[in-house]
């Protein structure tokens, strides 16, 4: 198997930040609550943040500050949905596409105010929106075998007693077995991916400039 950098993908906190709960209308509060709560199909939004009582600031693309002094343990701080229907959700996928039957290594880059204060919860579903697998990744990394019968999945950043979080990103790399993990240079792969993203953005800007 090739361990080239284009195999690795990164997951970012994509939701608009610097949000304030106070002053939001009751209708919008209900909308945020229902959007945050898991309801089954993941084609309804690109992401859900725990907004009630939270202070969330985007300091950089890979530097999100989250604080909630009353966050209950076990709460989902942020949830990523794999949106695959633009007509339904009016959004592009916020998660890497995984191949059924393949194995992936998830590596979380984040800090919390208490040791082991965060974990990842990965849930896979089939085409009928029925859950076929739920896996907890404790600590900062773990392996996720995407089931053969799975069609899509969600990723949840879950608090385990923490109240303050600095989130950077989650790196996802396909592997064959655990022995390959030590061979991965994630920082080099991330830098190469960022370089490619920058080059792609330059191409888009150049194209849009010519059209104006």
Protein backbone atom coordinates (compact mmCIF):
# COMPACT_ATOMS: atom_id res chain seq x y z
CA UNK A 1 0.00 0.00 0.00
CA UNK A 2 1.18 3.54 -0.78
CA UNK A 3 1.54 5.92 2.14
CA UNK A 4 1.64 9.03 -0.03
CA UNK A 5 0.28 12.28 1.35
CA UNK A 6 -2.71 12.42 -0.98
CA UNK A 7 -4.15 9.43 0.90
CA UNK A 8 -4.54 11.47 4.07
CA UNK A 9 -7.49 13.76 4.62
CA UNK A 10 -8.21 16.16 7.47
CA UNK A 11 -11.46 17.04 9.23
CA UNK A 12 -11.93 20.63 10.44
CA UNK A 13 -14.51 22.36 12.60
CA UNK A 14 -16.48 23.92 9.73
CA UNK A 15 -19.30 25.68 11.53
CA UNK A 16 -19.34 29.47 11.79
CA UNK A 17 -18.07 30.43 15.23
CA UNK A 18 -18.10 33.38 17.62
CA UNK A 19 -21.72 32.60 18.45
CA UNK A 20 -23.75 33.97 21.35
CA UNK A 21 -26.75 32.14 22.77
CA UNK A 22 -28.28 35.11 24.55
CA UNK A 23 -30.41 37.20 22.22
CA UNK A 24 -31.24 34.37 19.85
CA UNK A 25 -34.97 33.99 19.29
CA UNK A 26 -36.88 31.04 20.75
CA UNK A 27 -37.51 29.70 17.25
CA UNK A 28 -33.79 29.77 16.45
CA UNK A 29 -32.96 28.19 19.81
CA UNK A 30 -35.30 25.32 18.98
CA UNK A 31 -33.68 25.02 15.57
CA UNK A 32 -30.19 24.83 17.07
CA UNK A 33 -31.28 22.28 19.66
CA UNK A 34 -32.97 20.03 17.10
CA UNK A 35 -30.01 20.40 14.77
CA UNK A 36 -27.62 19.42 17.52
CA UNK A 37 -29.66 16.41 18.65
CA UNK A 38 -29.17 13.28 16.59
CA UNK A 39 -32.32 12.42 14.66
CA UNK A 40 -31.27 9.62 12.31
CA UNK A 41 -30.35 10.60 8.78
CA UNK A 42 -27.21 12.70 8.39
CA UNK A 43 -28.20 14.47 5.19
CA UNK A 44 -29.66 17.47 7.02
CA UNK A 45 -26.60 19.54 7.93
CA UNK A 46 -22.82 19.69 7.67
CA UNK A 47 -22.18 20.03 11.37
CA UNK A 48 -23.70 20.64 14.76
CA UNK A 49 -22.09 22.48 17.65
CA UNK A 50 -23.19 22.37 21.29
CA UNK A 51 -24.26 25.98 21.44
CA UNK A 52 -26.29 26.28 24.64
CA UNK A 53 -24.17 28.28 27.07
CA UNK A 54 -21.07 27.90 24.87
CA UNK A 55 -18.45 30.37 23.81
CA UNK A 56 -16.94 29.36 20.47
CA UNK A 57 -14.25 31.34 18.66
CA UNK A 58 -12.50 30.59 15.40
CA UNK A 59 -8.97 31.89 15.78
CA UNK A 60 -7.73 30.11 12.65
CA UNK A 61 -8.89 27.37 10.32
CA UNK A 62 -7.25 24.81 12.58
CA UNK A 63 -7.59 26.64 15.90
CA UNK A 64 -11.09 26.62 17.43
CA UNK A 65 -11.61 27.69 21.03
CA UNK A 66 -14.60 26.21 22.88
CA UNK A 67 -15.68 26.95 26.45
CA UNK A 68 -18.77 25.89 28.37
CA UNK A 69 -18.53 25.88 32.15
CA UNK A 70 -21.71 23.82 32.48
CA UNK A 71 -21.05 21.21 29.78
CA UNK A 72 -22.43 17.85 30.98
CA UNK A 73 -20.04 14.91 30.69
CA UNK A 74 -20.87 12.77 27.68
CA UNK A 75 -22.19 15.71 25.63
CA UNK A 76 -21.40 15.96 21.94
CA UNK A 77 -19.41 19.16 21.53
CA UNK A 78 -19.38 19.00 17.74
CA UNK A 79 -20.77 16.56 15.20
CA UNK A 80 -19.75 16.12 11.59
CA UNK A 81 -22.25 14.73 9.09
CA UNK A 82 -21.39 13.08 5.81
CA UNK A 83 -23.73 15.05 3.56
CA UNK A 84 -24.14 13.35 0.22
CA UNK A 85 -27.22 15.12 -1.18
CA UNK A 86 -26.67 18.75 -2.15
CA UNK A 87 -30.32 19.10 -3.16
CA UNK A 88 -31.35 18.04 0.36
CA UNK A 89 -28.79 19.78 2.52
CA UNK A 90 -27.34 22.46 0.23
CA UNK A 91 -23.85 21.60 1.42
CA UNK A 92 -20.80 19.64 0.39
CA UNK A 93 -19.52 16.61 2.35
CA UNK A 94 -17.75 17.61 5.58
CA UNK A 95 -16.16 14.19 6.09
CA UNK A 96 -13.72 12.16 3.98
CA UNK A 97 -15.31 9.47 1.84
CA UNK A 98 -14.50 6.04 3.28
CA UNK A 99 -14.51 2.82 1.28
CA UNK A 100 -16.64 0.02 2.76
CA UNK A 101 -14.52 -2.84 4.06
CA UNK A 102 -11.39 -0.67 4.42
CA UNK A 103 -9.47 0.27 7.55
CA UNK A 104 -8.68 3.84 8.63
CA UNK A 105 -6.53 5.48 11.27
CA UNK A 106 -8.07 8.52 12.98
CA UNK A 107 -5.74 10.97 14.72
CA UNK A 108 -7.24 13.85 16.73
CA UNK A 109 -5.31 17.04 17.39
CA UNK A 110 -7.01 18.82 20.28
CA UNK A 111 -6.41 19.85 23.88
CA UNK A 112 -8.81 19.88 26.81
CA UNK A 113 -8.60 21.36 30.30
CA UNK A 114 -8.65 17.91 31.91
CA UNK A 115 -6.62 14.80 30.99
CA UNK A 116 -8.50 12.45 28.67
CA UNK A 117 -11.31 14.99 28.54
CA UNK A 118 -12.23 14.23 24.93
CA UNK A 119 -13.04 11.20 22.81
CA UNK A 120 -14.38 10.48 19.34
CA UNK A 121 -17.57 8.57 18.59
CA UNK A 122 -17.87 7.15 15.07
CA UNK A 123 -21.22 5.81 13.85
CA UNK A 124 -21.74 4.03 10.51
CA UNK A 125 -25.11 3.60 8.75
CA UNK A 126 -26.38 1.61 5.81
CA UNK A 127 -28.47 2.92 2.92
CA UNK A 128 -31.65 2.58 4.97
CA UNK A 129 -30.22 4.92 7.66
CA UNK A 130 -29.89 2.00 10.07
CA UNK A 131 -26.85 2.07 12.37
CA UNK A 132 -24.49 -0.80 11.59
CA UNK A 133 -21.57 0.16 13.82
CA UNK A 134 -20.75 2.44 16.75
CA UNK A 135 -17.15 2.80 17.85
CA UNK A 136 -15.51 4.90 20.55
CA UNK A 137 -11.95 6.14 20.01
CA UNK A 138 -10.51 7.19 23.36
CA UNK A 139 -7.31 9.15 23.63
CA UNK A 140 -5.93 10.90 20.59
CA UNK A 141 -6.00 8.15 17.98
CA UNK A 142 -7.48 4.81 16.96
CA UNK A 143 -8.41 2.50 14.11
CA UNK A 144 -11.85 2.40 12.52
CA UNK A 145 -12.89 -0.47 10.25
CA UNK A 146 -15.59 0.91 7.97
CA UNK A 147 -18.17 -1.91 7.64
CA UNK A 148 -18.78 -3.52 4.28
CA UNK A 149 -22.51 -2.83 4.56
CA UNK A 150 -22.02 0.84 5.54
CA UNK A 151 -23.04 3.68 3.24
CA UNK A 152 -22.10 6.73 5.31
CA UNK A 153 -20.99 7.73 8.80
CA UNK A 154 -20.83 10.51 11.38
CA UNK A 155 -18.06 11.66 13.69
CA UNK A 156 -18.76 13.18 17.10
CA UNK A 157 -16.34 15.07 19.35
CA UNK A 158 -17.53 14.16 22.84
CA UNK A 159 -16.65 15.77 26.15
CA UNK A 160 -15.58 13.54 29.04
CA UNK A 161 -15.68 15.99 31.91
CA UNK A 162 -13.95 18.86 30.14
CA UNK A 163 -15.20 22.44 29.86
CA UNK A 164 -12.51 24.10 27.74
CA UNK A 165 -11.25 22.75 24.43
CA UNK A 166 -8.85 23.88 21.73
CA UNK A 167 -9.59 21.92 18.56
CA UNK A 168 -7.26 21.75 15.57
CA UNK A 169 -8.22 18.92 13.26
CA UNK A 170 -8.66 15.16 12.82
CA UNK A 171 -6.38 13.40 10.35
CA UNK A 172 -7.71 10.31 8.56
CA UNK A 173 -5.41 7.87 6.80
CA UNK A 174 -6.24 4.53 5.21
CA UNK A 175 -4.05 1.66 6.42
CA UNK A 176 -3.81 -2.09 6.02
CA UNK A 177 -2.57 -2.93 9.51
CA UNK A 178 -1.24 -1.24 12.63
CA UNK A 179 2.40 -1.75 11.66
CA UNK A 180 2.07 0.98 9.03
CA UNK A 181 1.17 3.69 11.53
CA UNK A 182 4.76 4.25 12.70
CA UNK A 183 5.74 4.94 9.08
CA UNK A 184 3.36 7.86 8.74
CA UNK A 185 4.74 11.40 8.87
CA UNK A 186 1.47 13.21 9.53
CA UNK A 187 2.95 16.70 9.71
CA UNK A 188 4.71 16.32 6.37
CA UNK A 189 1.55 14.90 4.82
CA UNK A 190 -0.52 17.73 6.29
CA UNK A 191 1.85 20.38 4.94
CA UNK A 192 1.70 18.81 1.48
CA UNK A 193 -2.09 18.71 1.59
CA UNK A 194 -2.19 22.38 2.63
CA UNK A 195 0.13 23.26 -0.23
CA UNK A 196 -2.16 21.49 -2.68
CA UNK A 197 -5.20 23.21 -1.19
CA UNK A 198 -3.49 26.60 -1.60
CA UNK A 199 -2.58 25.83 -5.21
CA UNK A 200 -6.16 24.75 -5.95
CA UNK A 201 -7.45 27.98 -4.41
CA UNK A 202 -5.10 29.98 -6.62
CA UNK A 203 -6.47 28.23 -9.69
CA UNK A 204 -10.05 28.99 -8.65
CA UNK A 205 -9.22 32.65 -7.91
CA UNK A 206 -7.49 32.98 -11.27
CA UNK A 207 -10.49 31.44 -13.05
CA UNK A 208 -12.98 33.69 -11.26
CA UNK A 209 -10.80 36.71 -11.99
CA UNK A 210 -10.84 35.98 -15.71
CA UNK A 211 -14.64 35.71 -15.64
CA UNK A 212 -15.13 39.13 -14.03
